[in-house]
């Protein structure tokens, strides 16, 4: 099978959970791709050269042939449409309502839980850093998150929808901000987040992050 040339622009440290989501999606689809790094600490994403690549001047950005697309949720949905099942692995559930729920979860995770994201940044996920205890706002958000996931995740099930979807990876990112920092989390949810973290595509991203940290 011939594949179009695919390029993923990621942050240089591989700390972006949004770039991670696209990386996992590409890996799950079995698509060969190359990675170009963008040094956010030196504001490389604000330079005119990157503006020619990314409409939003953020990471991730994806190129498939000559088509350029930014924003992780848009990229993942594009990949699902551009490289559909059964020729490629699914990123979303087969059932239409479950697909809608998966997208709802993704949108919620990207637009909410700001105190958790601020107080448990991705350095927790990819560098093992520790921070001060959560404040009242973050604890409130953590309680909301826990309540929602306990309702969403069926008992004795390792994925949200009975089959893996990209929403599982995105949800595990948010839960692991707490779990990997040893913040209070019900064991069932911590086990779910740990299980998702062992997926081969996620482990490859973690290896990329570790390699970037050593360079």
C-alpha atoms as a PDB file:
ATOM      1  CA  UNK A   1       0.000   0.000   0.000  1.00  0.00           C
ATOM      2  CA  UNK A   2       1.288   3.428  -0.927  1.00  0.00           C
ATOM      3  CA  UNK A   3       0.925   6.128   1.705  1.00  0.00           C
ATOM      4  CA  UNK A   4       0.924   9.886   1.184  1.00  0.00           C
ATOM      5  CA  UNK A   5       3.746  11.790   2.876  1.00  0.00           C
ATOM      6  CA  UNK A   6       2.623  12.742   6.391  1.00  0.00           C
ATOM      7  CA  UNK A   7       4.375  15.204   8.714  1.00  0.00           C
ATOM      8  CA  UNK A   8       3.463  15.946  12.336  1.00  0.00           C
ATOM      9  CA  UNK A   9       4.698  19.118  14.022  1.00  0.00           C
ATOM     10  CA  UNK A  10       5.072  18.595  17.766  1.00  0.00           C
ATOM     11  CA  UNK A  11       6.566  20.566  20.621  1.00  0.00           C
ATOM     12  CA  UNK A  12      10.266  19.858  20.969  1.00  0.00           C
ATOM     13  CA  UNK A  13       9.943  18.257  24.429  1.00  0.00           C
ATOM     14  CA  UNK A  14       6.965  16.064  23.519  1.00  0.00           C
ATOM     15  CA  UNK A  15       4.996  17.509  26.431  1.00  0.00           C
ATOM     16  CA  UNK A  16       1.883  18.518  24.494  1.00  0.00           C
ATOM     17  CA  UNK A  17      -1.067  16.215  25.258  1.00  0.00           C
ATOM     18  CA  UNK A  18      -2.698  17.449  22.054  1.00  0.00           C
ATOM     19  CA  UNK A  19       0.292  16.478  19.924  1.00  0.00           C
ATOM     20  CA  UNK A  20       0.281  13.190  21.816  1.00  0.00           C
ATOM     21  CA  UNK A  21      -3.344  12.573  20.804  1.00  0.00           C
ATOM     22  CA  UNK A  22      -2.483  13.010  17.122  1.00  0.00           C
ATOM     23  CA  UNK A  23       0.679  10.909  17.465  1.00  0.00           C
ATOM     24  CA  UNK A  24      -1.364   8.098  18.994  1.00  0.00           C
ATOM     25  CA  UNK A  25      -4.010   8.422  16.261  1.00  0.00           C
ATOM     26  CA  UNK A  26      -1.390   8.158  13.502  1.00  0.00           C
ATOM     27  CA  UNK A  27       0.244   5.199  15.215  1.00  0.00           C
ATOM     28  CA  UNK A  28      -3.051   3.388  15.695  1.00  0.00           C
ATOM     29  CA  UNK A  29      -3.891   3.902  12.024  1.00  0.00           C
ATOM     30  CA  UNK A  30      -0.555   2.334  11.121  1.00  0.00           C
ATOM     31  CA  UNK A  31       0.426   5.372   9.071  1.00  0.00           C
ATOM     32  CA  UNK A  32       4.105   6.165   8.493  1.00  0.00           C
ATOM     33  CA  UNK A  33       4.917   9.754   9.391  1.00  0.00           C
ATOM     34  CA  UNK A  34       7.811  12.029  10.190  1.00  0.00           C
ATOM     35  CA  UNK A  35       8.027  14.451  13.086  1.00  0.00           C
ATOM     36  CA  UNK A  36       9.199  18.037  13.047  1.00  0.00           C
ATOM     37  CA  UNK A  37       9.757  19.717  16.386  1.00  0.00           C
ATOM     38  CA  UNK A  38       8.746  23.235  17.330  1.00  0.00           C
ATOM     39  CA  UNK A  39      10.614  24.868  20.218  1.00  0.00           C
ATOM     40  CA  UNK A  40       7.846  26.554  22.192  1.00  0.00           C
ATOM     41  CA  UNK A  41      10.241  27.811  24.876  1.00  0.00           C
ATOM     42  CA  UNK A  42      11.959  29.956  22.239  1.00  0.00           C
ATOM     43  CA  UNK A  43       8.611  30.993  20.729  1.00  0.00           C
ATOM     44  CA  UNK A  44       9.409  29.286  17.459  1.00  0.00           C
ATOM     45  CA  UNK A  45       5.677  28.819  16.922  1.00  0.00           C
ATOM     46  CA  UNK A  46       5.304  32.602  16.679  1.00  0.00           C
ATOM     47  CA  UNK A  47       7.791  32.993  13.879  1.00  0.00           C
ATOM     48  CA  UNK A  48       6.642  33.761  10.306  1.00  0.00           C
ATOM     49  CA  UNK A  49       7.997  30.449   9.008  1.00  0.00           C
ATOM     50  CA  UNK A  50       5.717  28.436  11.273  1.00  0.00           C
ATOM     51  CA  UNK A  51       2.805  30.756  10.518  1.00  0.00           C
ATOM     52  CA  UNK A  52       3.051  29.532   6.933  1.00  0.00           C
ATOM     53  CA  UNK A  53       2.494  25.991   8.223  1.00  0.00           C
ATOM     54  CA  UNK A  54      -0.017  26.422  11.038  1.00  0.00           C
ATOM     55  CA  UNK A  55      -3.154  28.522  10.807  1.00  0.00           C
ATOM     56  CA  UNK A  56      -3.358  28.717  14.609  1.00  0.00           C
ATOM     57  CA  UNK A  57       0.434  28.900  15.171  1.00  0.00           C
ATOM     58  CA  UNK A  58       0.135  26.134  17.739  1.00  0.00           C
ATOM     59  CA  UNK A  59       1.037  22.458  17.950  1.00  0.00           C
ATOM     60  CA  UNK A  60       0.125  20.015  16.701  1.00  0.00           C
ATOM     61  CA  UNK A  61      -0.077  20.676  12.997  1.00  0.00           C
ATOM     62  CA  UNK A  62      -0.370  17.911  10.426  1.00  0.00           C
ATOM     63  CA  UNK A  63       0.517  17.798   6.755  1.00  0.00           C
ATOM     64  CA  UNK A  64      -0.890  15.088   4.494  1.00  0.00           C
ATOM     65  CA  UNK A  65       0.431  15.651   0.993  1.00  0.00           C
ATOM     66  CA  UNK A  66      -0.059  19.413   0.649  1.00  0.00           C
ATOM     67  CA  UNK A  67      -2.998  19.669   3.049  1.00  0.00           C
ATOM     68  CA  UNK A  68      -2.167  21.408   6.333  1.00  0.00           C
ATOM     69  CA  UNK A  69      -4.388  21.197   9.409  1.00  0.00           C
ATOM     70  CA  UNK A  70      -4.094  22.387  13.008  1.00  0.00           C
ATOM     71  CA  UNK A  71      -6.070  21.654  16.202  1.00  0.00           C
ATOM     72  CA  UNK A  72      -5.825  18.110  17.500  1.00  0.00           C
ATOM     73  CA  UNK A  73      -9.540  17.283  17.535  1.00  0.00           C
ATOM     74  CA  UNK A  74      -9.917  18.421  13.912  1.00  0.00           C
ATOM     75  CA  UNK A  75      -6.806  16.451  12.923  1.00  0.00           C
ATOM     76  CA  UNK A  76      -7.979  13.229  14.570  1.00  0.00           C
ATOM     77  CA  UNK A  77     -11.411  13.441  12.953  1.00  0.00           C
ATOM     78  CA  UNK A  78      -9.752  14.160   9.596  1.00  0.00           C
ATOM     79  CA  UNK A  79      -7.552  11.085   9.975  1.00  0.00           C
ATOM     80  CA  UNK A  80     -10.620   8.978  10.737  1.00  0.00           C
ATOM     81  CA  UNK A  81     -12.302  10.255   7.559  1.00  0.00           C
ATOM     82  CA  UNK A  82      -9.200  10.231   5.357  1.00  0.00           C
ATOM     83  CA  UNK A  83      -8.043   6.762   6.413  1.00  0.00           C
ATOM     84  CA  UNK A  84     -11.279   4.963   7.330  1.00  0.00           C
ATOM     85  CA  UNK A  85     -11.987   1.455   8.585  1.00  0.00           C
ATOM     86  CA  UNK A  86     -11.833  -1.343   7.618  1.00  0.00           C
ATOM     87  CA  UNK A  87      -8.619  -0.563   5.741  1.00  0.00           C
ATOM     88  CA  UNK A  88      -7.295   1.273   8.804  1.00  0.00           C
ATOM     89  CA  UNK A  89      -7.925   0.903  12.513  1.00  0.00           C
ATOM     90  CA  UNK A  90     -10.812   2.824  14.015  1.00  0.00           C
ATOM     91  CA  UNK A  91     -10.214   5.806  16.288  1.00  0.00           C
ATOM     92  CA  UNK A  92     -13.867   6.125  17.307  1.00  0.00           C
ATOM     93  CA  UNK A  93     -16.552   3.567  18.226  1.00  0.00           C
ATOM     94  CA  UNK A  94     -18.689   1.993  15.509  1.00  0.00           C
ATOM     95  CA  UNK A  95     -21.954   3.030  17.184  1.00  0.00           C
ATOM     96  CA  UNK A  96     -23.065   6.551  16.248  1.00  0.00           C
ATOM     97  CA  UNK A  97     -24.165   7.500  19.784  1.00  0.00           C
ATOM     98  CA  UNK A  98     -20.922   6.187  21.252  1.00  0.00           C
ATOM     99  CA  UNK A  99     -18.954   8.169  18.675  1.00  0.00           C
ATOM    100  CA  UNK A 100     -20.846  11.282  19.684  1.00  0.00           C
ATOM    101  CA  UNK A 101     -20.119  10.577  23.351  1.00  0.00           C
ATOM    102  CA  UNK A 102     -16.419  10.105  22.609  1.00  0.00           C
ATOM    103  CA  UNK A 103     -16.302  13.481  20.865  1.00  0.00           C
ATOM    104  CA  UNK A 104     -18.217  15.071  23.742  1.00  0.00           C
ATOM    105  CA  UNK A 105     -15.616  13.775  26.181  1.00  0.00           C
ATOM    106  CA  UNK A 106     -12.757  15.045  24.035  1.00  0.00           C
ATOM    107  CA  UNK A 107     -14.292  18.497  23.673  1.00  0.00           C
ATOM    108  CA  UNK A 108     -14.945  18.695  27.418  1.00  0.00           C
ATOM    109  CA  UNK A 109     -11.399  17.702  28.322  1.00  0.00           C
ATOM    110  CA  UNK A 110      -9.974  20.341  25.983  1.00  0.00           C
ATOM    111  CA  UNK A 111     -12.197  23.182  27.158  1.00  0.00           C
ATOM    112  CA  UNK A 112     -12.557  22.565  30.906  1.00  0.00           C
ATOM    113  CA  UNK A 113     -10.570  21.593  34.013  1.00  0.00           C
ATOM    114  CA  UNK A 114      -8.248  24.583  33.746  1.00  0.00           C
ATOM    115  CA  UNK A 115      -7.214  24.493  37.447  1.00  0.00           C
ATOM    116  CA  UNK A 116      -6.137  20.853  37.103  1.00  0.00           C
ATOM    117  CA  UNK A 117      -4.204  21.585  33.924  1.00  0.00           C
ATOM    118  CA  UNK A 118      -2.500  24.562  35.580  1.00  0.00           C
ATOM    119  CA  UNK A 119      -1.650  22.840  38.863  1.00  0.00           C
ATOM    120  CA  UNK A 120      -0.853  19.445  37.370  1.00  0.00           C
ATOM    121  CA  UNK A 121       0.842  20.423  34.093  1.00  0.00           C
ATOM    122  CA  UNK A 122       2.234  17.947  31.622  1.00  0.00           C
ATOM    123  CA  UNK A 123       5.572  17.932  33.464  1.00  0.00           C
ATOM    124  CA  UNK A 124       3.747  15.551  35.830  1.00  0.00           C
ATOM    125  CA  UNK A 125       2.946  13.222  32.944  1.00  0.00           C
ATOM    126  CA  UNK A 126       6.205  13.290  31.046  1.00  0.00           C
ATOM    127  CA  UNK A 127       8.893  14.407  33.517  1.00  0.00           C
ATOM    128  CA  UNK A 128       7.661  13.074  36.871  1.00  0.00           C
ATOM    129  CA  UNK A 129       7.647  16.500  38.517  1.00  0.00           C
ATOM    130  CA  UNK A 130       5.810  17.237  41.762  1.00  0.00           C
ATOM    131  CA  UNK A 131       3.889  20.361  42.722  1.00  0.00           C
ATOM    132  CA  UNK A 132       2.057  21.825  45.696  1.00  0.00           C
ATOM    133  CA  UNK A 133      -1.292  20.354  46.820  1.00  0.00           C
ATOM    134  CA  UNK A 134      -4.344  21.159  44.739  1.00  0.00           C
ATOM    135  CA  UNK A 135      -6.234  24.274  45.740  1.00  0.00           C
ATOM    136  CA  UNK A 136      -9.993  24.399  46.285  1.00  0.00           C
ATOM    137  CA  UNK A 137     -10.806  25.093  42.617  1.00  0.00           C
ATOM    138  CA  UNK A 138      -8.694  22.168  41.406  1.00  0.00           C
ATOM    139  CA  UNK A 139     -10.130  19.832  44.042  1.00  0.00           C
ATOM    140  CA  UNK A 140     -13.625  20.815  42.903  1.00  0.00           C
ATOM    141  CA  UNK A 141     -12.704  20.076  39.281  1.00  0.00           C
ATOM    142  CA  UNK A 142     -11.135  16.773  40.295  1.00  0.00           C
ATOM    143  CA  UNK A 143     -14.373  15.798  42.045  1.00  0.00           C
ATOM    144  CA  UNK A 144     -16.362  16.698  38.907  1.00  0.00           C
ATOM    145  CA  UNK A 145     -14.008  14.660  36.760  1.00  0.00           C
ATOM    146  CA  UNK A 146     -14.153  11.650  39.062  1.00  0.00           C
ATOM    147  CA  UNK A 147     -17.938  11.752  39.245  1.00  0.00           C
ATOM    148  CA  UNK A 148     -18.226  11.876  35.451  1.00  0.00           C
ATOM    149  CA  UNK A 149     -15.760   9.057  34.791  1.00  0.00           C
ATOM    150  CA  UNK A 150     -17.348   6.809  37.399  1.00  0.00           C
ATOM    151  CA  UNK A 151     -20.622   7.219  35.511  1.00  0.00           C
ATOM    152  CA  UNK A 152     -19.036   6.791  32.084  1.00  0.00           C
ATOM    153  CA  UNK A 153     -16.768   3.806  32.716  1.00  0.00           C
ATOM    154  CA  UNK A 154     -18.677   0.519  33.042  1.00  0.00           C
ATOM    155  CA  UNK A 155     -17.713  -1.813  35.889  1.00  0.00           C
ATOM    156  CA  UNK A 156     -15.068  -4.407  35.034  1.00  0.00           C
ATOM    157  CA  UNK A 157     -14.318  -2.712  31.709  1.00  0.00           C
ATOM    158  CA  UNK A 158     -10.951  -1.363  30.598  1.00  0.00           C
ATOM    159  CA  UNK A 159     -12.241   0.966  27.858  1.00  0.00           C
ATOM    160  CA  UNK A 160     -15.081   3.463  27.855  1.00  0.00           C
ATOM    161  CA  UNK A 161     -17.036   1.866  25.032  1.00  0.00           C
ATOM    162  CA  UNK A 162     -16.069  -1.809  25.135  1.00  0.00           C
ATOM    163  CA  UNK A 163     -13.416  -1.124  22.502  1.00  0.00           C
ATOM    164  CA  UNK A 164     -10.492   1.292  22.564  1.00  0.00           C
ATOM    165  CA  UNK A 165     -11.051   4.778  21.180  1.00  0.00           C
ATOM    166  CA  UNK A 166      -8.926   7.909  21.068  1.00  0.00           C
ATOM    167  CA  UNK A 167     -11.184   9.314  23.818  1.00  0.00           C
ATOM    168  CA  UNK A 168      -9.684   6.701  26.174  1.00  0.00           C
ATOM    169  CA  UNK A 169      -6.211   8.102  25.575  1.00  0.00           C
ATOM    170  CA  UNK A 170      -7.351  11.700  26.034  1.00  0.00           C
ATOM    171  CA  UNK A 171      -9.222  10.845  29.230  1.00  0.00           C
ATOM    172  CA  UNK A 172      -6.231   8.938  30.597  1.00  0.00           C
ATOM    173  CA  UNK A 173      -4.116  12.062  30.114  1.00  0.00           C
ATOM    174  CA  UNK A 174      -6.385  14.056  32.402  1.00  0.00           C
ATOM    175  CA  UNK A 175      -6.719  11.284  34.989  1.00  0.00           C
ATOM    176  CA  UNK A 176      -2.979  10.650  35.036  1.00  0.00           C
ATOM    177  CA  UNK A 177      -2.347  14.284  35.898  1.00  0.00           C
ATOM    178  CA  UNK A 178      -3.780  13.208  39.245  1.00  0.00           C
ATOM    179  CA  UNK A 179      -2.810   9.526  39.403  1.00  0.00           C
ATOM    180  CA  UNK A 180       0.877  10.039  38.570  1.00  0.00           C
ATOM    181  CA  UNK A 181       1.051  12.822  41.149  1.00  0.00           C
ATOM    182  CA  UNK A 182      -0.532  10.546  43.775  1.00  0.00           C
ATOM    183  CA  UNK A 183      -3.506  12.805  44.248  1.00  0.00           C
ATOM    184  CA  UNK A 184      -6.659  11.092  45.568  1.00  0.00           C
ATOM    185  CA  UNK A 185      -8.298   8.989  42.864  1.00  0.00           C
ATOM    186  CA  UNK A 186     -10.576   5.945  43.150  1.00  0.00           C
ATOM    187  CA  UNK A 187      -8.564   2.766  42.493  1.00  0.00           C
ATOM    188  CA  UNK A 188     -10.818   1.746  39.611  1.00  0.00           C
ATOM    189  CA  UNK A 189     -10.094   5.022  37.799  1.00  0.00           C
ATOM    190  CA  UNK A 190      -6.378   4.865  38.581  1.00  0.00           C
ATOM    191  CA  UNK A 191      -6.288   1.318  37.171  1.00  0.00           C
ATOM    192  CA  UNK A 192      -8.090   2.475  34.032  1.00  0.00           C
ATOM    193  CA  UNK A 193      -5.623   5.341  33.502  1.00  0.00           C
ATOM    194  CA  UNK A 194      -2.672   3.003  34.089  1.00  0.00           C
ATOM    195  CA  UNK A 195      -4.067   0.471  31.619  1.00  0.00           C
ATOM    196  CA  UNK A 196      -4.466   3.123  28.916  1.00  0.00           C
ATOM    197  CA  UNK A 197      -0.914   4.328  29.561  1.00  0.00           C
ATOM    198  CA  UNK A 198       0.428   0.868  28.635  1.00  0.00           C
ATOM    199  CA  UNK A 199      -0.940   0.984  25.090  1.00  0.00           C
ATOM    200  CA  UNK A 200       1.878   0.576  22.556  1.00  0.00           C
ATOM    201  CA  UNK A 201       1.167   3.859  20.777  1.00  0.00           C
ATOM    202  CA  UNK A 202       1.219   5.756  24.092  1.00  0.00           C
ATOM    203  CA  UNK A 203       4.429   4.038  25.152  1.00  0.00           C
ATOM    204  CA  UNK A 204       6.071   5.134  21.896  1.00  0.00           C
ATOM    205  CA  UNK A 205       5.120   8.744  22.650  1.00  0.00           C
ATOM    206  CA  UNK A 206       6.539   8.415  26.175  1.00  0.00           C
ATOM    207  CA  UNK A 207       9.768   7.088  24.670  1.00  0.00           C
ATOM    208  CA  UNK A 208       9.918  10.108  22.324  1.00  0.00           C
ATOM    209  CA  UNK A 209       9.481  12.416  25.330  1.00  0.00           C
ATOM    210  CA  UNK A 210      12.211  10.639  27.289  1.00  0.00           C
ATOM    211  CA  UNK A 211      14.554  10.789  24.305  1.00  0.00           C
ATOM    212  CA  UNK A 212      13.921  14.516  23.849  1.00  0.00           C
ATOM    213  CA  UNK A 213      14.601  15.130  27.548  1.00  0.00           C
ATOM    214  CA  UNK A 214      17.989  13.441  27.279  1.00  0.00           C
ATOM    215  CA  UNK A 215      19.106  15.439  24.244  1.00  0.00           C
END
